[in-house]
Protein backbone atom coordinates (compact mmCIF):
# COMPACT_ATOMS: atom_id res chain seq x y z
CA UNK A 1 0.00 0.00 0.00
CA UNK A 2 1.34 3.43 -0.98
CA UNK A 3 -0.07 6.27 1.16
CA UNK A 4 0.17 9.74 -0.42
CA UNK A 5 -1.11 13.22 0.28
CA UNK A 6 -2.72 15.54 -2.29
CA UNK A 7 -3.64 19.21 -2.11
CA UNK A 8 -7.25 19.74 -3.16
CA UNK A 9 -7.57 23.47 -2.53
CA UNK A 10 -5.52 26.28 -1.06
CA UNK A 11 -5.95 24.94 2.50
CA UNK A 12 -7.39 21.47 1.92
CA UNK A 13 -5.38 18.26 1.73
CA UNK A 14 -6.38 14.62 1.63
CA UNK A 15 -4.31 11.58 2.53
CA UNK A 16 -5.00 8.06 1.37
CA UNK A 17 -3.97 5.08 -0.70
CA UNK A 18 -2.58 6.09 -4.10
CA UNK A 19 -4.92 4.96 -6.88
CA UNK A 20 -3.32 6.59 -9.93
CA UNK A 21 -0.82 9.30 -10.87
CA UNK A 22 -2.08 11.46 -13.71
CA UNK A 23 -0.05 12.95 -16.59
CA UNK A 24 -0.75 16.52 -15.43
CA UNK A 25 1.09 16.03 -12.10
CA UNK A 26 -2.05 15.35 -10.10
CA UNK A 27 -3.01 12.07 -8.49
CA UNK A 28 -6.07 10.19 -7.31
CA UNK A 29 -6.07 8.86 -3.73
CA UNK A 30 -8.69 6.75 -1.96
CA UNK A 31 -9.49 8.65 1.23
CA UNK A 32 -12.24 7.34 3.48
CA UNK A 33 -14.95 6.10 1.16
CA UNK A 34 -14.23 8.40 -1.78
CA UNK A 35 -11.62 9.05 -4.42
CA UNK A 36 -10.02 12.50 -4.25
CA UNK A 37 -8.05 14.15 -7.07
CA UNK A 38 -5.44 16.80 -6.34
CA UNK A 39 -1.84 17.92 -6.74
CA UNK A 40 0.66 15.50 -5.17
CA UNK A 41 2.49 16.77 -2.10
CA UNK A 42 6.20 15.87 -2.41
CA UNK A 43 7.28 13.05 -0.12
CA UNK A 44 9.85 13.97 2.51
CA UNK A 45 13.12 12.09 2.55
CA UNK A 46 13.96 11.11 6.10
CA UNK A 47 15.48 8.18 7.90
CA UNK A 48 12.84 6.82 10.27
CA UNK A 49 15.26 4.86 12.53
CA UNK A 50 17.21 8.10 13.18
CA UNK A 51 14.02 9.96 14.09
CA UNK A 52 13.01 7.13 16.45
CA UNK A 53 16.46 7.07 18.03
CA UNK A 54 16.30 10.82 18.71
CA UNK A 55 12.82 10.51 20.19
CA UNK A 56 13.99 7.75 22.55
CA UNK A 57 17.17 9.55 23.66
CA UNK A 58 17.25 10.12 27.43
CA UNK A 59 16.97 13.71 28.62
CA UNK A 60 19.97 15.03 30.55
PDB file of N, CA and C in Angstrom:
ATOM      1  N   UNK A   1       0.849  -1.173   0.000  1.00  0.00           N
ATOM      2  CA  UNK A   1       0.000   0.000   0.000  1.00  0.00           C
ATOM      3  C   UNK A   1       0.894   1.235   0.000  1.00  0.00           C
ATOM      4  N   UNK A   2       0.561   2.201  -0.842  1.00  0.00           N
ATOM      5  CA  UNK A   2       1.337   3.427  -0.980  1.00  0.00           C
ATOM      6  C   UNK A   2       0.458   4.598  -0.544  1.00  0.00           C
ATOM      7  N   UNK A   3       0.702   5.154   0.640  1.00  0.00           N
ATOM      8  CA  UNK A   3      -0.068   6.273   1.159  1.00  0.00           C
ATOM      9  C   UNK A   3       0.538   7.573   0.655  1.00  0.00           C
ATOM     10  N   UNK A   4      -0.291   8.447   0.093  1.00  0.00           N
ATOM     11  CA  UNK A   4       0.174   9.741  -0.420  1.00  0.00           C
ATOM     12  C   UNK A   4      -0.787  10.827   0.017  1.00  0.00           C
ATOM     13  N   UNK A   5      -0.331  12.051  -0.100  1.00  0.00           N
ATOM     14  CA  UNK A   5      -1.113  13.221   0.276  1.00  0.00           C
ATOM     15  C   UNK A   5      -1.256  14.104  -0.955  1.00  0.00           C
ATOM     16  N   UNK A   6      -2.478  14.627  -1.182  1.00  0.00           N
ATOM     17  CA  UNK A   6      -2.724  15.537  -2.289  1.00  0.00           C
ATOM     18  C   UNK A   6      -3.338  16.824  -1.755  1.00  0.00           C
ATOM     19  N   UNK A   7      -3.040  17.926  -2.436  1.00  0.00           N
ATOM     20  CA  UNK A   7      -3.641  19.211  -2.113  1.00  0.00           C
ATOM     21  C   UNK A   7      -4.853  19.385  -3.019  1.00  0.00           C
ATOM     22  N   UNK A   8      -6.009  19.604  -2.396  1.00  0.00           N
ATOM     23  CA  UNK A   8      -7.248  19.739  -3.156  1.00  0.00           C
ATOM     24  C   UNK A   8      -7.579  21.211  -3.392  1.00  0.00           C
ATOM     25  N   UNK A   9      -7.326  22.040  -2.423  1.00  0.00           N
ATOM     26  CA  UNK A   9      -7.572  23.470  -2.529  1.00  0.00           C
ATOM     27  C   UNK A   9      -6.427  24.205  -1.864  1.00  0.00           C
ATOM     28  N   UNK A  10      -6.591  25.505  -1.654  1.00  0.00           N
ATOM     29  CA  UNK A  10      -5.518  26.279  -1.057  1.00  0.00           C
ATOM     30  C   UNK A  10      -5.175  25.791   0.348  1.00  0.00           C
ATOM     31  N   UNK A  11      -6.178  25.376   1.123  1.00  0.00           N
ATOM     32  CA  UNK A  11      -5.946  24.944   2.498  1.00  0.00           C
ATOM     33  C   UNK A  11      -6.490  23.545   2.776  1.00  0.00           C
ATOM     34  N   UNK A  12      -6.793  22.791   1.734  1.00  0.00           N
ATOM     35  CA  UNK A  12      -7.392  21.467   1.919  1.00  0.00           C
ATOM     36  C   UNK A  12      -6.468  20.403   1.358  1.00  0.00           C
ATOM     37  N   UNK A  13      -6.170  19.399   2.180  1.00  0.00           N
ATOM     38  CA  UNK A  13      -5.381  18.260   1.726  1.00  0.00           C
ATOM     39  C   UNK A  13      -6.132  16.984   2.068  1.00  0.00           C
ATOM     40  N   UNK A  14      -5.809  15.927   1.358  1.00  0.00           N
ATOM     41  CA  UNK A  14      -6.384  14.615   1.627  1.00  0.00           C
ATOM     42  C   UNK A  14      -5.255  13.596   1.583  1.00  0.00           C
ATOM     43  N   UNK A  15      -5.323  12.630   2.474  1.00  0.00           N
ATOM     44  CA  UNK A  15      -4.310  11.582   2.528  1.00  0.00           C
ATOM     45  C   UNK A  15      -5.007  10.250   2.371  1.00  0.00           C
ATOM     46  N   UNK A  16      -4.406   9.372   1.567  1.00  0.00           N
ATOM     47  CA  UNK A  16      -5.002   8.061   1.369  1.00  0.00           C
ATOM     48  C   UNK A  16      -4.144   7.199   0.479  1.00  0.00           C
ATOM     49  N   UNK A  17      -4.688   6.035   0.148  1.00  0.00           N
ATOM     50  CA  UNK A  17      -3.972   5.084  -0.703  1.00  0.00           C
ATOM     51  C   UNK A  17      -3.942   5.600  -2.145  1.00  0.00           C
ATOM     52  N   UNK A  18      -2.751   5.616  -2.724  1.00  0.00           N
ATOM     53  CA  UNK A  18      -2.580   6.088  -4.099  1.00  0.00           C
ATOM     54  C   UNK A  18      -3.308   5.150  -5.053  1.00  0.00           C
ATOM     55  N   UNK A  19      -4.185   5.730  -5.880  1.00  0.00           N
ATOM     56  CA  UNK A  19      -4.919   4.957  -6.880  1.00  0.00           C
ATOM     57  C   UNK A  19      -4.225   5.090  -8.232  1.00  0.00           C
ATOM     58  N   UNK A  20      -3.927   6.357  -8.620  1.00  0.00           N
ATOM     59  CA  UNK A  20      -3.318   6.587  -9.932  1.00  0.00           C
ATOM     60  C   UNK A  20      -2.648   7.950  -9.960  1.00  0.00           C
ATOM     61  N   UNK A  21      -1.473   8.014 -10.590  1.00  0.00           N
ATOM     62  CA  UNK A  21      -0.817   9.296 -10.867  1.00  0.00           C
ATOM     63  C   UNK A  21      -1.210   9.708 -12.278  1.00  0.00           C
ATOM     64  N   UNK A  22      -1.631  10.956 -12.423  1.00  0.00           N
ATOM     65  CA  UNK A  22      -2.085  11.459 -13.713  1.00  0.00           C
ATOM     66  C   UNK A  22      -0.956  12.183 -14.440  1.00  0.00           C
ATOM     67  N   UNK A  23      -1.082  12.326 -15.759  1.00  0.00           N
ATOM     68  CA  UNK A  23      -0.045  12.948 -16.593  1.00  0.00           C
ATOM     69  C   UNK A  23       0.158  14.428 -16.278  1.00  0.00           C
ATOM     70  N   UNK A  24      -0.852  15.085 -15.702  1.00  0.00           N
ATOM     71  CA  UNK A  24      -0.753  16.519 -15.429  1.00  0.00           C
ATOM     72  C   UNK A  24      -0.130  16.826 -14.066  1.00  0.00           C
ATOM     73  N   UNK A  25       0.439  15.823 -13.394  1.00  0.00           N
ATOM     74  CA  UNK A  25       1.092  16.033 -12.104  1.00  0.00           C
ATOM     75  C   UNK A  25       0.167  15.842 -10.916  1.00  0.00           C
ATOM     76  N   UNK A  26      -1.102  15.608 -11.171  1.00  0.00           N
ATOM     77  CA  UNK A  26      -2.046  15.347 -10.098  1.00  0.00           C
ATOM     78  C   UNK A  26      -2.133  13.843  -9.859  1.00  0.00           C
ATOM     79  N   UNK A  27      -2.847  13.479  -8.808  1.00  0.00           N
ATOM     80  CA  UNK A  27      -3.006  12.068  -8.487  1.00  0.00           C
ATOM     81  C   UNK A  27      -4.383  11.841  -7.888  1.00  0.00           C
ATOM     82  N   UNK A  28      -4.815  10.599  -7.924  1.00  0.00           N
ATOM     83  CA  UNK A  28      -6.070  10.195  -7.307  1.00  0.00           C
ATOM     84  C   UNK A  28      -5.714   9.331  -6.105  1.00  0.00           C
ATOM     85  N   UNK A  29      -6.272   9.666  -4.927  1.00  0.00           N
ATOM     86  CA  UNK A  29      -6.075   8.861  -3.731  1.00  0.00           C
ATOM     87  C   UNK A  29      -7.435   8.421  -3.215  1.00  0.00           C
ATOM     88  N   UNK A  30      -7.470   7.256  -2.581  1.00  0.00           N
ATOM     89  CA  UNK A  30      -8.691   6.749  -1.963  1.00  0.00           C
ATOM     90  C   UNK A  30      -8.643   7.146  -0.500  1.00  0.00           C
ATOM     91  N   UNK A  31      -9.478   8.109  -0.122  1.00  0.00           N
ATOM     92  CA  UNK A  31      -9.488   8.655   1.226  1.00  0.00           C
ATOM     93  C   UNK A  31     -10.874   8.440   1.829  1.00  0.00           C
ATOM     94  N   UNK A  32     -10.928   7.649   2.883  1.00  0.00           N
ATOM     95  CA  UNK A  32     -12.235   7.340   3.478  1.00  0.00           C
ATOM     96  C   UNK A  32     -13.007   6.431   2.556  1.00  0.00           C
ATOM     97  N   UNK A  33     -14.151   6.900   2.089  1.00  0.00           N
ATOM     98  CA  UNK A  33     -14.948   6.099   1.161  1.00  0.00           C
ATOM     99  C   UNK A  33     -15.108   6.796  -0.178  1.00  0.00           C
ATOM    100  N   UNK A  34     -14.147   7.690  -0.511  1.00  0.00           N
ATOM    101  CA  UNK A  34     -14.225   8.403  -1.781  1.00  0.00           C
ATOM    102  C   UNK A  34     -12.848   8.549  -2.408  1.00  0.00           C
ATOM    103  N   UNK A  35     -12.852   8.769  -3.707  1.00  0.00           N
ATOM    104  CA  UNK A  35     -11.617   9.055  -4.418  1.00  0.00           C
ATOM    105  C   UNK A  35     -11.479  10.562  -4.540  1.00  0.00           C
ATOM    106  N   UNK A  36     -10.286  11.068  -4.228  1.00  0.00           N
ATOM    107  CA  UNK A  36     -10.016  12.500  -4.249  1.00  0.00           C
ATOM    108  C   UNK A  36      -8.895  12.765  -5.246  1.00  0.00           C
ATOM    109  N   UNK A  37      -9.073  13.770  -6.091  1.00  0.00           N
ATOM    110  CA  UNK A  37      -8.055  14.154  -7.069  1.00  0.00           C
ATOM    111  C   UNK A  37      -7.443  15.484  -6.654  1.00  0.00           C
ATOM    112  N   UNK A  38      -6.111  15.554  -6.688  1.00  0.00           N
ATOM    113  CA  UNK A  38      -5.438  16.796  -6.340  1.00  0.00           C
ATOM    114  C   UNK A  38      -3.976  16.739  -6.720  1.00  0.00           C
ATOM    115  N   UNK A  39      -3.263  17.831  -6.432  1.00  0.00           N
ATOM    116  CA  UNK A  39      -1.839  17.920  -6.741  1.00  0.00           C
ATOM    117  C   UNK A  39      -1.051  17.168  -5.678  1.00  0.00           C
ATOM    118  N   UNK A  40      -0.149  16.296  -6.105  1.00  0.00           N
ATOM    119  CA  UNK A  40       0.655  15.504  -5.173  1.00  0.00           C
ATOM    120  C   UNK A  40       1.530  16.395  -4.301  1.00  0.00           C
ATOM    121  N   UNK A  41       1.575  16.095  -3.021  1.00  0.00           N
ATOM    122  CA  UNK A  41       2.486  16.769  -2.102  1.00  0.00           C
ATOM    123  C   UNK A  41       3.780  15.967  -2.128  1.00  0.00           C
ATOM    124  N   UNK A  42       4.936  16.617  -2.341  1.00  0.00           N
ATOM    125  CA  UNK A  42       6.197  15.869  -2.412  1.00  0.00           C
ATOM    126  C   UNK A  42       6.460  15.092  -1.117  1.00  0.00           C
ATOM    127  N   UNK A  43       6.939  13.872  -1.272  1.00  0.00           N
ATOM    128  CA  UNK A  43       7.280  13.045  -0.119  1.00  0.00           C
ATOM    129  C   UNK A  43       8.577  13.558   0.503  1.00  0.00           C
ATOM    130  N   UNK A  44       8.634  13.560   1.820  1.00  0.00           N
ATOM    131  CA  UNK A  44       9.855  13.967   2.511  1.00  0.00           C
ATOM    132  C   UNK A  44      10.831  12.814   2.546  1.00  0.00           C
ATOM    133  N   UNK A  45      12.083  13.110   2.457  1.00  0.00           N
ATOM    134  CA  UNK A  45      13.117  12.092   2.545  1.00  0.00           C
ATOM    135  C   UNK A  45      13.714  12.148   3.946  1.00  0.00           C
ATOM    136  N   UNK A  46      13.400  11.145   4.748  1.00  0.00           N
ATOM    137  CA  UNK A  46      13.959  11.111   6.100  1.00  0.00           C
ATOM    138  C   UNK A  46      14.257   9.661   6.475  1.00  0.00           C
ATOM    139  N   UNK A  47      15.093   9.501   7.446  1.00  0.00           N
ATOM    140  CA  UNK A  47      15.483   8.177   7.898  1.00  0.00           C
ATOM    141  C   UNK A  47      14.730   7.884   9.194  1.00  0.00           C
ATOM    142  N   UNK A  48      13.702   7.079   9.119  1.00  0.00           N
ATOM    143  CA  UNK A  48      12.835   6.824  10.269  1.00  0.00           C
ATOM    144  C   UNK A  48      13.600   6.281  11.479  1.00  0.00           C
ATOM    145  N   UNK A  49      14.540   5.328  11.335  1.00  0.00           N
ATOM    146  CA  UNK A  49      15.258   4.861  12.530  1.00  0.00           C
ATOM    147  C   UNK A  49      15.981   5.985  13.266  1.00  0.00           C
ATOM    148  N   UNK A  50      16.545   6.978  12.532  1.00  0.00           N
ATOM    149  CA  UNK A  50      17.210   8.102  13.179  1.00  0.00           C
ATOM    150  C   UNK A  50      16.220   8.942  13.975  1.00  0.00           C
ATOM    151  N   UNK A  51      15.038   9.178  13.401  1.00  0.00           N
ATOM    152  CA  UNK A  51      14.018   9.959  14.088  1.00  0.00           C
ATOM    153  C   UNK A  51      13.587   9.234  15.358  1.00  0.00           C
ATOM    154  N   UNK A  52      13.406   7.913  15.283  1.00  0.00           N
ATOM    155  CA  UNK A  52      13.011   7.129  16.450  1.00  0.00           C
ATOM    156  C   UNK A  52      14.097   7.173  17.515  1.00  0.00           C
ATOM    157  N   UNK A  53      15.353   7.058  17.091  1.00  0.00           N
ATOM    158  CA  UNK A  53      16.457   7.070  18.030  1.00  0.00           C
ATOM    159  C   UNK A  53      16.519   8.413  18.782  1.00  0.00           C
ATOM    160  N   UNK A  54      16.293   9.510  18.073  1.00  0.00           N
ATOM    161  CA  UNK A  54      16.300  10.821  18.705  1.00  0.00           C
ATOM    162  C   UNK A  54      15.142  10.937  19.692  1.00  0.00           C
ATOM    163  N   UNK A  55      13.982  10.429  19.317  1.00  0.00           N
ATOM    164  CA  UNK A  55      12.819  10.513  20.187  1.00  0.00           C
ATOM    165  C   UNK A  55      13.006   9.693  21.463  1.00  0.00           C
ATOM    166  N   UNK A  56      13.781   8.618  21.390  1.00  0.00           N
ATOM    167  CA  UNK A  56      13.992   7.754  22.553  1.00  0.00           C
ATOM    168  C   UNK A  56      15.220   8.143  23.374  1.00  0.00           C
ATOM    169  N   UNK A  57      15.957   9.144  22.938  1.00  0.00           N
ATOM    170  CA  UNK A  57      17.167   9.551  23.656  1.00  0.00           C
ATOM    171  C   UNK A  57      16.805  10.072  25.048  1.00  0.00           C
ATOM    172  N   UNK A  58      17.548   9.653  26.080  1.00  0.00           N
ATOM    173  CA  UNK A  58      17.245  10.118  27.434  1.00  0.00           C
ATOM    174  C   UNK A  58      17.542  11.612  27.589  1.00  0.00           C
ATOM    175  N   UNK A  59      16.751  12.278  28.383  1.00  0.00           N
ATOM    176  CA  UNK A  59      16.972  13.705  28.615  1.00  0.00           C
ATOM    177  C   UNK A  59      18.023  13.867  29.724  1.00  0.00           C
ATOM    178  N   UNK A  60      18.897  14.842  29.561  1.00  0.00           N
ATOM    179  CA  UNK A  60      19.974  15.029  30.547  1.00  0.00           C
ATOM    180  C   UNK A  60      19.453  15.518  31.893  1.00  0.00           C
TER     181      UNK A  60
END
